[in-house]
Amino acid sequence: MNEANIRKPDEQAIAYQHAQPADMVADIVHPGVLDKWLEDDHLWVPTTKTVSFKPLLLNASQGYYVNLLRVRQTGVLSRHRHTGPVHAMVLRGRWYYLEHDWIAEQGSYAHEPAGETHTLYVPEGVDEMITWFHVTGGYTYVDPQGVALGYEDVFTKIDAARKHYESIGLGADYVKRFIR
């Protein structure tokens, strides 16, 4: 490669000198997500007695969400089909899909393609599973034959979080800190 084509790094510790775009949405920063947030049961949004989530980003304008999912049960969590791709990083515990031969355990990354249908299973001996999920589109919950039973997307997540935050005294508007 010609040395004239090699990009030199900008090593000046000088902030960008112009305004950001006028219609740009604000940054979201949640300190302590991997420690203090995990321990604060108050902010986990329950979906069942043993399954809950903590939103990090609920992107209504682009139809995706990023959240922490916590499961405190062994067995089948759900069988679902993705309308878009999913990225996952396991923070605690382990899980797998009945349709695959791999196990996602603490420290693992998984990519799930759009269109895939699978059954999430938390094995014996896992008291708590927490996974970071970036979900594009939504899930259609199905029976073993693929018959639709329900769905979940960024809008159902927003509604669930709004109701939970209202019920614990933070107010329905608390969810706005996660919405973009």
Protein backbone atom coordinates (compact mmCIF):
# COMPACT_ATOMS: atom_id res chain seq x y z
CA MET A 1 0.00 0.00 0.00
CA ASN A 2 1.30 3.45 -0.89
CA GLU A 3 2.28 5.41 2.22
CA ALA A 4 0.35 8.43 0.92
CA ASN A 5 -2.86 6.36 1.22
CA ILE A 6 -2.34 5.45 4.87
CA ARG A 7 -4.66 7.42 7.16
CA LYS A 8 -2.84 9.05 10.04
CA PRO A 9 -4.66 9.09 13.37
CA ASP A 10 -5.91 12.40 14.75
CA GLU A 11 -4.10 12.62 18.07
CA GLN A 12 -5.30 16.08 19.03
CA ALA A 13 -7.32 16.04 22.25
CA ILE A 14 -9.66 18.72 20.95
CA ALA A 15 -13.43 18.31 20.93
CA TYR A 16 -15.35 18.67 17.68
CA GLN A 17 -15.82 22.39 17.11
CA HIS A 18 -19.25 22.53 15.46
CA ALA A 19 -22.82 21.97 16.59
CA GLN A 20 -24.37 18.55 16.20
CA PRO A 21 -27.28 18.23 13.74
CA ALA A 22 -30.32 20.17 14.98
CA ASP A 23 -32.71 17.21 14.81
CA MET A 24 -30.37 14.59 16.23
CA VAL A 25 -31.73 12.70 19.25
CA ALA A 26 -29.86 12.90 22.53
CA ASP A 27 -27.32 10.29 23.65
CA ILE A 28 -28.36 7.68 26.20
CA VAL A 29 -25.88 6.73 28.91
CA HIS A 30 -26.82 4.41 31.78
CA PRO A 31 -23.92 4.15 34.28
CA GLY A 32 -23.46 0.91 36.20
CA VAL A 33 -25.47 -1.32 33.83
CA LEU A 34 -23.31 -4.38 34.57
CA ASP A 35 -23.26 -3.95 38.34
CA LYS A 36 -25.72 -1.63 40.13
CA TRP A 37 -28.47 -2.12 37.54
CA LEU A 38 -28.32 -5.89 37.76
CA GLU A 39 -28.85 -5.81 41.51
CA ASP A 40 -31.72 -3.26 41.61
CA ASP A 41 -34.85 -5.45 41.48
CA HIS A 42 -37.06 -2.34 41.53
CA LEU A 43 -36.38 -1.48 37.87
CA TRP A 44 -36.79 -4.97 36.37
CA VAL A 45 -40.03 -5.05 34.37
CA PRO A 46 -41.79 -8.37 35.05
CA THR A 47 -43.30 -10.31 32.17
CA THR A 48 -44.06 -13.39 34.32
CA LYS A 49 -43.28 -14.35 37.94
CA THR A 50 -39.81 -15.57 36.88
CA VAL A 51 -39.00 -13.53 33.75
CA SER A 52 -38.26 -9.80 33.60
CA PHE A 53 -36.38 -7.24 31.53
CA LYS A 54 -34.60 -3.92 31.98
CA PRO A 55 -34.75 -1.65 28.96
CA LEU A 56 -31.59 0.08 27.81
CA LEU A 57 -32.92 1.51 24.52
CA LEU A 58 -36.44 1.35 23.12
CA ASN A 59 -36.13 2.66 19.57
CA ALA A 60 -39.71 3.27 18.43
CA SER A 61 -38.67 5.12 15.28
CA GLN A 62 -36.57 2.22 13.94
CA GLY A 63 -38.41 -0.74 15.48
CA TYR A 64 -35.74 -2.28 17.69
CA TYR A 65 -34.89 -2.53 21.35
CA VAL A 66 -31.92 -3.32 23.55
CA ASN A 67 -32.57 -4.81 26.97
CA LEU A 68 -31.32 -7.10 29.67
CA LEU A 69 -33.43 -10.25 30.04
CA ARG A 70 -33.46 -12.03 33.40
CA VAL A 71 -34.85 -15.54 33.84
CA ARG A 72 -35.15 -17.23 37.23
CA GLN A 73 -36.57 -20.58 36.17
CA THR A 74 -35.44 -23.79 34.57
CA GLY A 75 -37.10 -25.07 31.42
CA VAL A 76 -38.72 -23.57 28.35
CA LEU A 77 -38.88 -19.79 28.35
CA SER A 78 -40.51 -19.33 24.94
CA ARG A 79 -40.73 -20.59 21.38
CA HIS A 80 -40.61 -17.72 18.92
CA ARG A 81 -39.86 -16.60 15.37
CA HIS A 82 -37.79 -13.49 14.67
CA THR A 83 -38.83 -10.87 12.14
CA GLY A 84 -35.35 -9.34 12.29
CA PRO A 85 -31.87 -10.26 13.49
CA VAL A 86 -30.97 -10.53 17.17
CA HIS A 87 -27.62 -10.09 18.92
CA ALA A 88 -27.09 -11.54 22.40
CA MET A 89 -24.35 -11.54 25.05
CA VAL A 90 -24.75 -13.73 28.11
CA LEU A 91 -23.88 -11.93 31.34
CA ARG A 92 -24.91 -14.64 33.82
CA GLY A 93 -25.96 -18.26 33.60
CA ARG A 94 -26.54 -20.17 30.38
CA TRP A 95 -29.26 -21.10 27.91
CA TYR A 96 -29.70 -22.81 24.58
CA TYR A 97 -32.22 -23.48 21.85
CA LEU A 98 -33.77 -26.93 21.59
CA GLU A 99 -33.24 -26.69 17.81
CA HIS A 100 -29.43 -26.20 18.05
CA ASP A 101 -26.47 -28.05 19.53
CA TRP A 102 -24.69 -25.01 21.04
CA ILE A 103 -24.97 -23.54 24.54
CA ALA A 104 -24.80 -19.81 25.22
CA GLU A 105 -23.09 -19.36 28.59
CA GLN A 106 -21.61 -16.46 30.50
CA GLY A 107 -19.34 -14.50 28.18
CA SER A 108 -20.87 -15.94 24.99
CA TYR A 109 -22.13 -13.96 22.01
CA ALA A 110 -24.89 -15.24 19.74
CA HIS A 111 -26.36 -13.92 16.49
CA GLU A 112 -29.81 -15.09 15.51
CA PRO A 113 -30.89 -14.47 11.90
CA ALA A 114 -34.22 -13.01 10.83
CA GLY A 115 -36.81 -15.69 10.16
CA GLU A 116 -35.45 -18.29 12.56
CA THR A 117 -37.85 -20.06 14.92
CA HIS A 118 -36.46 -21.59 18.10
CA THR A 119 -37.28 -22.62 21.66
CA LEU A 120 -35.25 -20.94 24.41
CA TYR A 121 -34.41 -23.34 27.22
CA VAL A 122 -32.70 -22.60 30.56
CA PRO A 123 -31.05 -25.81 31.85
CA GLU A 124 -31.11 -27.32 35.34
CA GLY A 125 -28.69 -25.73 37.80
CA VAL A 126 -29.12 -22.18 36.48
CA ASP A 127 -30.66 -20.08 39.25
CA GLU A 128 -30.46 -16.88 37.23
CA MET A 129 -29.80 -16.14 33.57
CA ILE A 130 -29.18 -12.57 32.42
CA THR A 131 -28.56 -11.83 28.76
CA TRP A 132 -28.11 -8.56 26.87
CA PHE A 133 -30.32 -8.67 23.77
CA HIS A 134 -30.46 -6.31 20.78
CA VAL A 135 -33.70 -7.24 19.02
CA THR A 136 -34.55 -5.84 15.58
CA GLY A 137 -38.21 -6.17 14.70
CA GLY A 138 -40.16 -8.46 16.97
CA TYR A 139 -41.00 -11.99 18.00
CA THR A 140 -44.02 -14.04 17.09
CA TYR A 141 -44.64 -16.61 19.80
CA VAL A 142 -45.65 -19.95 18.29
CA ASP A 143 -46.62 -23.48 19.27
CA PRO A 144 -44.47 -26.46 18.11
CA GLN A 145 -46.31 -26.44 14.75
CA GLY A 146 -45.70 -22.74 14.16
CA VAL A 147 -49.21 -21.51 14.97
CA ALA A 148 -48.99 -17.91 16.21
CA LEU A 149 -49.86 -17.43 19.89
CA GLY A 150 -48.77 -13.83 20.47
CA TYR A 151 -46.11 -11.27 19.68
CA GLU A 152 -43.63 -8.89 21.26
CA ASP A 153 -41.94 -5.83 19.80
CA VAL A 154 -40.60 -2.45 20.87
CA PHE A 155 -44.13 -1.13 21.38
CA THR A 156 -45.22 -3.97 23.66
CA LYS A 157 -41.97 -3.45 25.60
CA ILE A 158 -42.72 0.28 25.97
CA ASP A 159 -46.25 -0.46 27.18
CA ALA A 160 -45.06 -3.06 29.72
CA ALA A 161 -42.34 -0.74 31.06
CA ARG A 162 -44.74 2.22 31.25
CA LYS A 163 -47.25 0.17 33.29
CA HIS A 164 -44.55 -1.21 35.59
CA TYR A 165 -42.94 2.16 36.32
CA GLU A 166 -46.37 3.64 37.04
CA SER A 167 -47.18 0.76 39.42
CA ILE A 168 -43.98 1.20 41.45
CA GLY A 169 -44.40 4.96 41.84
CA LEU A 170 -41.85 6.21 39.31
CA GLY A 171 -44.59 7.39 36.98
CA ALA A 172 -45.47 6.30 33.47
CA ASP A 173 -43.11 8.91 31.98
CA TYR A 174 -40.07 7.16 33.51
CA VAL A 175 -39.99 4.97 30.38
CA LYS A 176 -39.20 8.05 28.25
CA ARG A 177 -35.56 7.92 29.35
CA PHE A 178 -35.21 4.77 27.21
CA ILE A 179 -37.25 5.76 24.14
CA ARG A 180 -35.68 7.15 20.96
